Amino acid sequence: MTPLERALAKALTEVVIRLDLSDDDAITPEATMEVLQPVIALLQDLPKQDRQALADLINKIAQQETDPDRQLTAWETPETLGLLA
């Protein structure tokens, strides 16, 4: 993966973490899904090999997380984004 791809994967993971861990009063689960649905749809158009590569990269990012809540959400991100389908 290139530095650009790594940065984009980290940014995407950060967005998912922040949405998931935000207070439901700040952003509802429904609003979270409205934000993520177009992203999920775009990622579904990628070849399976690319989705797997992105999932692997996100898992590496998850390994680097030191906060347990953030790490758990990062580990769940590939599934949340439909990369493992």
PDB file of N, CA and C in Angstrom:
ATOM      1  N   MET A   1       0.844  -1.197   0.000  1.00  0.00           N
ATOM      2  CA  MET A   1       0.000   0.000   0.000  1.00  0.00           C
ATOM      3  C   MET A   1       0.881   1.249   0.000  1.00  0.00           C
ATOM      4  N   THR A   2       0.415   2.237  -0.695  1.00  0.00           N
ATOM      5  CA  THR A   2       1.143   3.500  -0.769  1.00  0.00           C
ATOM      6  C   THR A   2       0.850   4.333   0.478  1.00  0.00           C
ATOM      7  N   PRO A   3       1.674   5.357   0.728  1.00  0.00           N
ATOM      8  CA  PRO A   3       1.382   6.255   1.855  1.00  0.00           C
ATOM      9  C   PRO A   3      -0.005   6.893   1.732  1.00  0.00           C
ATOM     10  N   LEU A   4      -0.424   7.209   0.523  1.00  0.00           N
ATOM     11  CA  LEU A   4      -1.759   7.783   0.322  1.00  0.00           C
ATOM     12  C   LEU A   4      -2.836   6.788   0.732  1.00  0.00           C
ATOM     13  N   GLU A   5      -2.697   5.558   0.309  1.00  0.00           N
ATOM     14  CA  GLU A   5      -3.680   4.526   0.668  1.00  0.00           C
ATOM     15  C   GLU A   5      -3.718   4.303   2.178  1.00  0.00           C
ATOM     16  N   ARG A   6      -2.560   4.305   2.811  1.00  0.00           N
ATOM     17  CA  ARG A   6      -2.507   4.147   4.270  1.00  0.00           C
ATOM     18  C   ARG A   6      -3.204   5.317   4.958  1.00  0.00           C
ATOM     19  N   ALA A   7      -2.934   6.522   4.483  1.00  0.00           N
ATOM     20  CA  ALA A   7      -3.548   7.712   5.090  1.00  0.00           C
ATOM     21  C   ALA A   7      -5.060   7.691   4.916  1.00  0.00           C
ATOM     22  N   LEU A   8      -5.528   7.297   3.739  1.00  0.00           N
ATOM     23  CA  LEU A   8      -6.970   7.228   3.512  1.00  0.00           C
ATOM     24  C   LEU A   8      -7.621   6.137   4.369  1.00  0.00           C
ATOM     25  N   ALA A   9      -6.956   5.004   4.513  1.00  0.00           N
ATOM     26  CA  ALA A   9      -7.493   3.929   5.364  1.00  0.00           C
ATOM     27  C   ALA A   9      -7.548   4.382   6.818  1.00  0.00           C
ATOM     28  N   LYS A  10      -6.519   5.081   7.270  1.00  0.00           N
ATOM     29  CA  LYS A  10      -6.505   5.582   8.646  1.00  0.00           C
ATOM     30  C   LYS A  10      -7.598   6.624   8.835  1.00  0.00           C
ATOM     31  N   ALA A  11      -7.771   7.519   7.872  1.00  0.00           N
ATOM     32  CA  ALA A  11      -8.822   8.538   7.960  1.00  0.00           C
ATOM     33  C   ALA A  11     -10.205   7.886   7.984  1.00  0.00           C
ATOM     34  N   LEU A  12     -10.429   6.897   7.129  1.00  0.00           N
ATOM     35  CA  LEU A  12     -11.707   6.198   7.105  1.00  0.00           C
ATOM     36  C   LEU A  12     -11.970   5.495   8.429  1.00  0.00           C
ATOM     37  N   THR A  13     -10.951   4.853   8.970  1.00  0.00           N
ATOM     38  CA  THR A  13     -11.083   4.177  10.261  1.00  0.00           C
ATOM     39  C   THR A  13     -11.401   5.186  11.356  1.00  0.00           C
ATOM     40  N   GLU A  14     -10.753   6.323  11.327  1.00  0.00           N
ATOM     41  CA  GLU A  14     -11.000   7.370  12.325  1.00  0.00           C
ATOM     42  C   GLU A  14     -12.443   7.858  12.257  1.00  0.00           C
ATOM     43  N   VAL A  15     -12.957   8.037  11.059  1.00  0.00           N
ATOM     44  CA  VAL A  15     -14.350   8.471  10.904  1.00  0.00           C
ATOM     45  C   VAL A  15     -15.293   7.428  11.509  1.00  0.00           C
ATOM     46  N   VAL A  16     -15.066   6.165  11.198  1.00  0.00           N
ATOM     47  CA  VAL A  16     -15.927   5.105  11.740  1.00  0.00           C
ATOM     48  C   VAL A  16     -15.840   5.076  13.261  1.00  0.00           C
ATOM     49  N   ILE A  17     -14.637   5.184  13.797  1.00  0.00           N
ATOM     50  CA  ILE A  17     -14.464   5.176  15.259  1.00  0.00           C
ATOM     51  C   ILE A  17     -15.230   6.333  15.887  1.00  0.00           C
ATOM     52  N   ARG A  18     -15.055   7.522  15.349  1.00  0.00           N
ATOM     53  CA  ARG A  18     -15.708   8.693  15.936  1.00  0.00           C
ATOM     54  C   ARG A  18     -17.227   8.611  15.838  1.00  0.00           C
ATOM     55  N   LEU A  19     -17.729   8.121  14.710  1.00  0.00           N
ATOM     56  CA  LEU A  19     -19.171   7.961  14.576  1.00  0.00           C
ATOM     57  C   LEU A  19     -19.698   6.917  15.560  1.00  0.00           C
ATOM     58  N   ASP A  20     -18.992   5.813  15.655  1.00  0.00           N
ATOM     59  CA  ASP A  20     -19.447   4.725  16.521  1.00  0.00           C
ATOM     60  C   ASP A  20     -19.394   5.100  17.999  1.00  0.00           C
ATOM     61  N   LEU A  21     -18.367   5.813  18.394  1.00  0.00           N
ATOM     62  CA  LEU A  21     -18.190   6.127  19.809  1.00  0.00           C
ATOM     63  C   LEU A  21     -18.837   7.442  20.226  1.00  0.00           C
ATOM     64  N   SER A  22     -19.441   8.144  19.283  1.00  0.00           N
ATOM     65  CA  SER A  22     -20.093   9.401  19.648  1.00  0.00           C
ATOM     66  C   SER A  22     -21.361   9.121  20.438  1.00  0.00           C
ATOM     67  N   ASP A  23     -21.718  10.055  21.266  1.00  0.00           N
ATOM     68  CA  ASP A  23     -22.947   9.948  22.057  1.00  0.00           C
ATOM     69  C   ASP A  23     -24.136   9.936  21.105  1.00  0.00           C
ATOM     70  N   ASP A  24     -25.118   9.075  21.386  1.00  0.00           N
ATOM     71  CA  ASP A  24     -26.301   8.987  20.523  1.00  0.00           C
ATOM     72  C   ASP A  24     -27.051  10.309  20.436  1.00  0.00           C
ATOM     73  N   ASP A  25     -26.856  11.188  21.408  1.00  0.00           N
ATOM     74  CA  ASP A  25     -27.470  12.514  21.344  1.00  0.00           C
ATOM     75  C   ASP A  25     -26.737  13.411  20.353  1.00  0.00           C
ATOM     76  N   ALA A  26     -25.455  13.128  20.124  1.00  0.00           N
ATOM     77  CA  ALA A  26     -24.671  13.929  19.188  1.00  0.00           C
ATOM     78  C   ALA A  26     -24.962  13.511  17.742  1.00  0.00           C
ATOM     79  N   ILE A  27     -24.995  12.212  17.514  1.00  0.00           N
ATOM     80  CA  ILE A  27     -25.335  11.687  16.194  1.00  0.00           C
ATOM     81  C   ILE A  27     -26.034  10.345  16.403  1.00  0.00           C
ATOM     82  N   THR A  28     -27.217  10.257  15.893  1.00  0.00           N
ATOM     83  CA  THR A  28     -28.017   9.050  16.101  1.00  0.00           C
ATOM     84  C   THR A  28     -27.448   7.893  15.277  1.00  0.00           C
ATOM     85  N   PRO A  29     -27.747   6.662  15.681  1.00  0.00           N
ATOM     86  CA  PRO A  29     -27.316   5.520  14.868  1.00  0.00           C
ATOM     87  C   PRO A  29     -27.841   5.600  13.432  1.00  0.00           C
ATOM     88  N   GLU A  30     -29.036   6.128  13.274  1.00  0.00           N
ATOM     89  CA  GLU A  30     -29.595   6.275  11.927  1.00  0.00           C
ATOM     90  C   GLU A  30     -28.781   7.260  11.094  1.00  0.00           C
ATOM     91  N   ALA A  31     -28.398   8.373  11.717  1.00  0.00           N
ATOM     92  CA  ALA A  31     -27.579   9.366  11.010  1.00  0.00           C
ATOM     93  C   ALA A  31     -26.205   8.795  10.680  1.00  0.00           C
ATOM     94  N   THR A  32     -25.673   8.008  11.581  1.00  0.00           N
ATOM     95  CA  THR A  32     -24.387   7.355  11.321  1.00  0.00           C
ATOM     96  C   THR A  32     -24.482   6.488  10.073  1.00  0.00           C
ATOM     97  N   MET A  33     -25.547   5.712   9.970  1.00  0.00           N
ATOM     98  CA  MET A  33     -25.707   4.852   8.800  1.00  0.00           C
ATOM     99  C   MET A  33     -25.932   5.663   7.529  1.00  0.00           C
ATOM    100  N   GLU A  34     -26.604   6.805   7.636  1.00  0.00           N
ATOM    101  CA  GLU A  34     -26.774   7.669   6.465  1.00  0.00           C
ATOM    102  C   GLU A  34     -25.429   8.168   5.955  1.00  0.00           C
ATOM    103  N   VAL A  35     -24.515   8.420   6.871  1.00  0.00           N
ATOM    104  CA  VAL A  35     -23.173   8.856   6.489  1.00  0.00           C
ATOM    105  C   VAL A  35     -22.400   7.691   5.861  1.00  0.00           C
ATOM    106  N   LEU A  36     -22.509   6.518   6.470  1.00  0.00           N
ATOM    107  CA  LEU A  36     -21.693   5.388   6.039  1.00  0.00           C
ATOM    108  C   LEU A  36     -22.224   4.658   4.810  1.00  0.00           C
ATOM    109  N   GLN A  37     -23.531   4.688   4.560  1.00  0.00           N
ATOM    110  CA  GLN A  37     -24.102   3.925   3.442  1.00  0.00           C
ATOM    111  C   GLN A  37     -23.460   4.245   2.087  1.00  0.00           C
ATOM    112  N   PRO A  38     -23.259   5.514   1.732  1.00  0.00           N
ATOM    113  CA  PRO A  38     -22.612   5.774   0.436  1.00  0.00           C
ATOM    114  C   PRO A  38     -21.175   5.257   0.382  1.00  0.00           C
ATOM    115  N   VAL A  39     -20.488   5.317   1.504  1.00  0.00           N
ATOM    116  CA  VAL A  39     -19.112   4.811   1.568  1.00  0.00           C
ATOM    117  C   VAL A  39     -19.119   3.298   1.379  1.00  0.00           C
ATOM    118  N   ILE A  40     -20.021   2.630   2.083  1.00  0.00           N
ATOM    119  CA  ILE A  40     -20.145   1.178   1.967  1.00  0.00           C
ATOM    120  C   ILE A  40     -20.451   0.790   0.519  1.00  0.00           C
ATOM    121  N   ALA A  41     -21.346   1.520  -0.120  1.00  0.00           N
ATOM    122  CA  ALA A  41     -21.703   1.229  -1.512  1.00  0.00           C
ATOM    123  C   ALA A  41     -20.490   1.380  -2.433  1.00  0.00           C
ATOM    124  N   LEU A  42     -19.710   2.417  -2.241  1.00  0.00           N
ATOM    125  CA  LEU A  42     -18.499   2.606  -3.053  1.00  0.00           C
ATOM    126  C   LEU A  42     -17.509   1.472  -2.843  1.00  0.00           C
ATOM    127  N   LEU A  43     -17.329   1.080  -1.586  1.00  0.00           N
ATOM    128  CA  LEU A  43     -16.375   0.017  -1.285  1.00  0.00           C
ATOM    129  C   LEU A  43     -16.832  -1.324  -1.835  1.00  0.00           C
ATOM    130  N   GLN A  44     -18.136  -1.543  -1.914  1.00  0.00           N
ATOM    131  CA  GLN A  44     -18.654  -2.796  -2.454  1.00  0.00           C
ATOM    132  C   GLN A  44     -18.329  -2.950  -3.940  1.00  0.00           C
ATOM    133  N   ASP A  45     -18.097  -1.822  -4.613  1.00  0.00           N
ATOM    134  CA  ASP A  45     -17.759  -1.874  -6.036  1.00  0.00           C
ATOM    135  C   ASP A  45     -16.303  -2.270  -6.283  1.00  0.00           C
ATOM    136  N   LEU A  46     -15.495  -2.276  -5.224  1.00  0.00           N
ATOM    137  CA  LEU A  46     -14.093  -2.673  -5.369  1.00  0.00           C
ATOM    138  C   LEU A  46     -13.991  -4.180  -5.583  1.00  0.00           C
ATOM    139  N   PRO A  47     -12.961  -4.603  -6.299  1.00  0.00           N
ATOM    140  CA  PRO A  47     -12.722  -6.047  -6.405  1.00  0.00           C
ATOM    141  C   PRO A  47     -12.461  -6.635  -5.009  1.00  0.00           C
ATOM    142  N   LYS A  48     -12.805  -7.907  -4.861  1.00  0.00           N
ATOM    143  CA  LYS A  48     -12.654  -8.577  -3.568  1.00  0.00           C
ATOM    144  C   LYS A  48     -11.224  -8.450  -3.039  1.00  0.00           C
ATOM    145  N   GLN A  49     -10.255  -8.560  -3.910  1.00  0.00           N
ATOM    146  CA  GLN A  49      -8.842  -8.452  -3.514  1.00  0.00           C
ATOM    147  C   GLN A  49      -8.553  -7.086  -2.885  1.00  0.00           C
ATOM    148  N   ASP A  50      -9.095  -6.020  -3.451  1.00  0.00           N
ATOM    149  CA  ASP A  50      -8.885  -4.677  -2.916  1.00  0.00           C
ATOM    150  C   ASP A  50      -9.612  -4.493  -1.587  1.00  0.00           C
ATOM    151  N   ARG A  51     -10.824  -5.043  -1.473  1.00  0.00           N
ATOM    152  CA  ARG A  51     -11.553  -4.965  -0.199  1.00  0.00           C
ATOM    153  C   ARG A  51     -10.785  -5.683   0.898  1.00  0.00           C
ATOM    154  N   GLN A  52     -10.209  -6.850   0.553  1.00  0.00           N
ATOM    155  CA  GLN A  52      -9.431  -7.605   1.534  1.00  0.00           C
ATOM    156  C   GLN A  52      -8.172  -6.843   1.924  1.00  0.00           C
ATOM    157  N   ALA A  53      -7.516  -6.220   0.960  1.00  0.00           N
ATOM    158  CA  ALA A  53      -6.310  -5.438   1.254  1.00  0.00           C
ATOM    159  C   ALA A  53      -6.637  -4.269   2.188  1.00  0.00           C
ATOM    160  N   LEU A  54      -7.769  -3.618   1.949  1.00  0.00           N
ATOM    161  CA  LEU A  54      -8.188  -2.516   2.822  1.00  0.00           C
ATOM    162  C   LEU A  54      -8.511  -3.039   4.219  1.00  0.00           C
ATOM    163  N   ALA A  55      -9.206  -4.164   4.292  1.00  0.00           N
ATOM    164  CA  ALA A  55      -9.519  -4.767   5.596  1.00  0.00           C
ATOM    165  C   ALA A  55      -8.236  -5.105   6.352  1.00  0.00           C
ATOM    166  N   ASP A  56      -7.256  -5.656   5.651  1.00  0.00           N
ATOM    167  CA  ASP A  56      -5.975  -5.990   6.290  1.00  0.00           C
ATOM    168  C   ASP A  56      -5.279  -4.735   6.815  1.00  0.00           C
ATOM    169  N   LEU A  57      -5.327  -3.681   6.032  1.00  0.00           N
ATOM    170  CA  LEU A  57      -4.706  -2.424   6.449  1.00  0.00           C
ATOM    171  C   LEU A  57      -5.419  -1.843   7.664  1.00  0.00           C
ATOM    172  N   ILE A  58      -6.732  -1.889   7.676  1.00  0.00           N
ATOM    173  CA  ILE A  58      -7.493  -1.404   8.828  1.00  0.00           C
ATOM    174  C   ILE A  58      -7.167  -2.238  10.065  1.00  0.00           C
ATOM    175  N   ASN A  59      -6.990  -3.546   9.890  1.00  0.00           N
ATOM    176  CA  ASN A  59      -6.612  -4.389  11.025  1.00  0.00           C
ATOM    177  C   ASN A  59      -5.239  -4.005  11.577  1.00  0.00           C
ATOM    178  N   LYS A  60      -4.314  -3.620  10.713  1.00  0.00           N
ATOM    179  CA  LYS A  60      -3.005  -3.140  11.180  1.00  0.00           C
ATOM    180  C   LYS A  60      -3.169  -1.847  11.973  1.00  0.00           C
ATOM    181  N   ILE A  61      -4.055  -0.985  11.510  1.00  0.00           N
ATOM    182  CA  ILE A  61      -4.339   0.263  12.226  1.00  0.00           C
ATOM    183  C   ILE A  61      -4.929  -0.064  13.595  1.00  0.00           C
ATOM    184  N   ALA A  62      -5.829  -1.046  13.642  1.00  0.00           N
ATOM    185  CA  ALA A  62      -6.457  -1.451  14.906  1.00  0.00           C
ATOM    186  C   ALA A  62      -5.406  -1.943  15.897  1.00  0.00           C
ATOM    187  N   GLN A  63      -4.415  -2.660  15.416  1.00  0.00           N
ATOM    188  CA  GLN A  63      -3.357  -3.167  16.294  1.00  0.00           C
ATOM    189  C   GLN A  63      -2.597  -2.040  16.977  1.00  0.00           C
ATOM    190  N   GLN A  64      -2.542  -0.891  16.339  1.00  0.00           N
ATOM    191  CA  GLN A  64      -1.791   0.244  16.877  1.00  0.00           C
ATOM    192  C   GLN A  64      -2.587   1.068  17.878  1.00  0.00           C
ATOM    193  N   GLU A  65      -3.893   0.838  17.938  1.00  0.00           N
ATOM    194  CA  GLU A  65      -4.735   1.583  18.884  1.00  0.00           C
ATOM    195  C   GLU A  65      -4.427   1.155  20.308  1.00  0.00           C
ATOM    196  N   THR A  66      -4.315   2.118  21.197  1.00  0.00           N
ATOM    197  CA  THR A  66      -4.037   1.812  22.600  1.00  0.00           C
ATOM    198  C   THR A  66      -5.277   1.911  23.470  1.00  0.00           C
ATOM    199  N   ASP A  67      -6.271   2.668  23.040  1.00  0.00           N
ATOM    200  CA  ASP A  67      -7.512   2.778  23.790  1.00  0.00           C
ATOM    201  C   ASP A  67      -8.382   1.565  23.459  1.00  0.00           C
ATOM    202  N   PRO A  68      -8.832   0.806  24.475  1.00  0.00           N
ATOM    203  CA  PRO A  68      -9.594  -0.423  24.208  1.00  0.00           C
ATOM    204  C   PRO A  68     -10.880  -0.204  23.412  1.00  0.00           C
ATOM    205  N   ASP A  69     -11.616   0.860  23.695  1.00  0.00           N
ATOM    206  CA  ASP A  69     -12.858   1.119  22.963  1.00  0.00           C
ATOM    207  C   ASP A  69     -12.576   1.444  21.497  1.00  0.00           C
ATOM    208  N   ARG A  70     -11.584   2.286  21.264  1.00  0.00           N
ATOM    209  CA  ARG A  70     -11.207   2.639  19.896  1.00  0.00           C
ATOM    210  C   ARG A  70     -10.684   1.411  19.151  1.00  0.00           C
ATOM    211  N   GLN A  71      -9.903   0.580  19.852  1.00  0.00           N
ATOM    212  CA  GLN A  71      -9.346  -0.607  19.216  1.00  0.00           C
ATOM    213  C   GLN A  71     -10.453  -1.577  18.807  1.00  0.00           C
ATOM    214  N   LEU A  72     -11.412  -1.800  19.691  1.00  0.00           N
ATOM    215  CA  LEU A  72     -12.520  -2.702  19.365  1.00  0.00           C
ATOM    216  C   LEU A  72     -13.288  -2.198  18.147  1.00  0.00           C
ATOM    217  N   THR A  73     -13.580  -0.909  18.130  1.00  0.00           N
ATOM    218  CA  THR A  73     -14.296  -0.344  16.985  1.00  0.00           C
ATOM    219  C   THR A  73     -13.464  -0.464  15.713  1.00  0.00           C
ATOM    220  N   ALA A  74     -12.168  -0.220  15.818  1.00  0.00           N
ATOM    221  CA  ALA A  74     -11.295  -0.360  14.649  1.00  0.00           C
ATOM    222  C   ALA A  74     -11.304  -1.798  14.142  1.00  0.00           C
ATOM    223  N   TRP A  75     -11.253  -2.776  15.064  1.00  0.00           N
ATOM    224  CA  TRP A  75     -11.308  -4.189  14.648  1.00  0.00           C
ATOM    225  C   TRP A  75     -12.614  -4.493  13.927  1.00  0.00           C
ATOM    226  N   GLU A  76     -13.696  -3.837  14.321  1.00  0.00           N
ATOM    227  CA  GLU A  76     -15.008  -4.080  13.729  1.00  0.00           C
ATOM    228  C   GLU A  76     -15.222  -3.315  12.417  1.00  0.00           C
ATOM    229  N   THR A  77     -14.348  -2.370  12.131  1.00  0.00           N
ATOM    230  CA  THR A  77     -14.525  -1.500  10.968  1.00  0.00           C
ATOM    231  C   THR A  77     -14.623  -2.258   9.638  1.00  0.00           C
ATOM    232  N   PRO A  78     -13.775  -3.245   9.359  1.00  0.00           N
ATOM    233  CA  PRO A  78     -13.940  -3.950   8.081  1.00  0.00           C
ATOM    234  C   PRO A  78     -15.332  -4.572   7.915  1.00  0.00           C
ATOM    235  N   GLU A  79     -15.867  -5.118   8.991  1.00  0.00           N
ATOM    236  CA  GLU A  79     -17.208  -5.686   8.900  1.00  0.00           C
ATOM    237  C   GLU A  79     -18.254  -4.573   8.743  1.00  0.00           C
ATOM    238  N   THR A  80     -18.084  -3.491   9.515  1.00  0.00           N
ATOM    239  CA  THR A  80     -19.006  -2.364   9.423  1.00  0.00           C
ATOM    240  C   THR A  80     -19.088  -1.825   7.991  1.00  0.00           C
ATOM    241  N   LEU A  81     -17.949  -1.799   7.323  1.00  0.00           N
ATOM    242  CA  LEU A  81     -17.883  -1.253   5.969  1.00  0.00           C
ATOM    243  C   LEU A  81     -18.186  -2.292   4.883  1.00  0.00           C
ATOM    244  N   GLY A  82     -18.525  -3.499   5.298  1.00  0.00           N
ATOM    245  CA  GLY A  82     -18.875  -4.529   4.328  1.00  0.00           C
ATOM    246  C   GLY A  82     -17.711  -5.050   3.524  1.00  0.00           C
ATOM    247  N   LEU A  83     -16.506  -4.922   4.060  1.00  0.00           N
ATOM    248  CA  LEU A  83     -15.320  -5.353   3.313  1.00  0.00           C
ATOM    249  C   LEU A  83     -15.151  -6.861   3.309  1.00  0.00           C
ATOM    250  N   LEU A  84     -15.783  -7.542   4.249  1.00  0.00           N
ATOM    251  CA  LEU A  84     -15.583  -8.982   4.393  1.00  0.00           C
ATOM    252  C   LEU A  84     -16.662  -9.804   3.720  1.00  0.00           C
ATOM    253  N   ALA A  85     -17.550  -9.124   3.011  1.00  0.00           N
ATOM    254  CA  ALA A  85     -18.673  -9.836   2.351  1.00  0.00           C
ATOM    255  C   ALA A  85     -18.213 -10.517   1.083  1.00  0.00           C
TER     256      ALA A  85
END
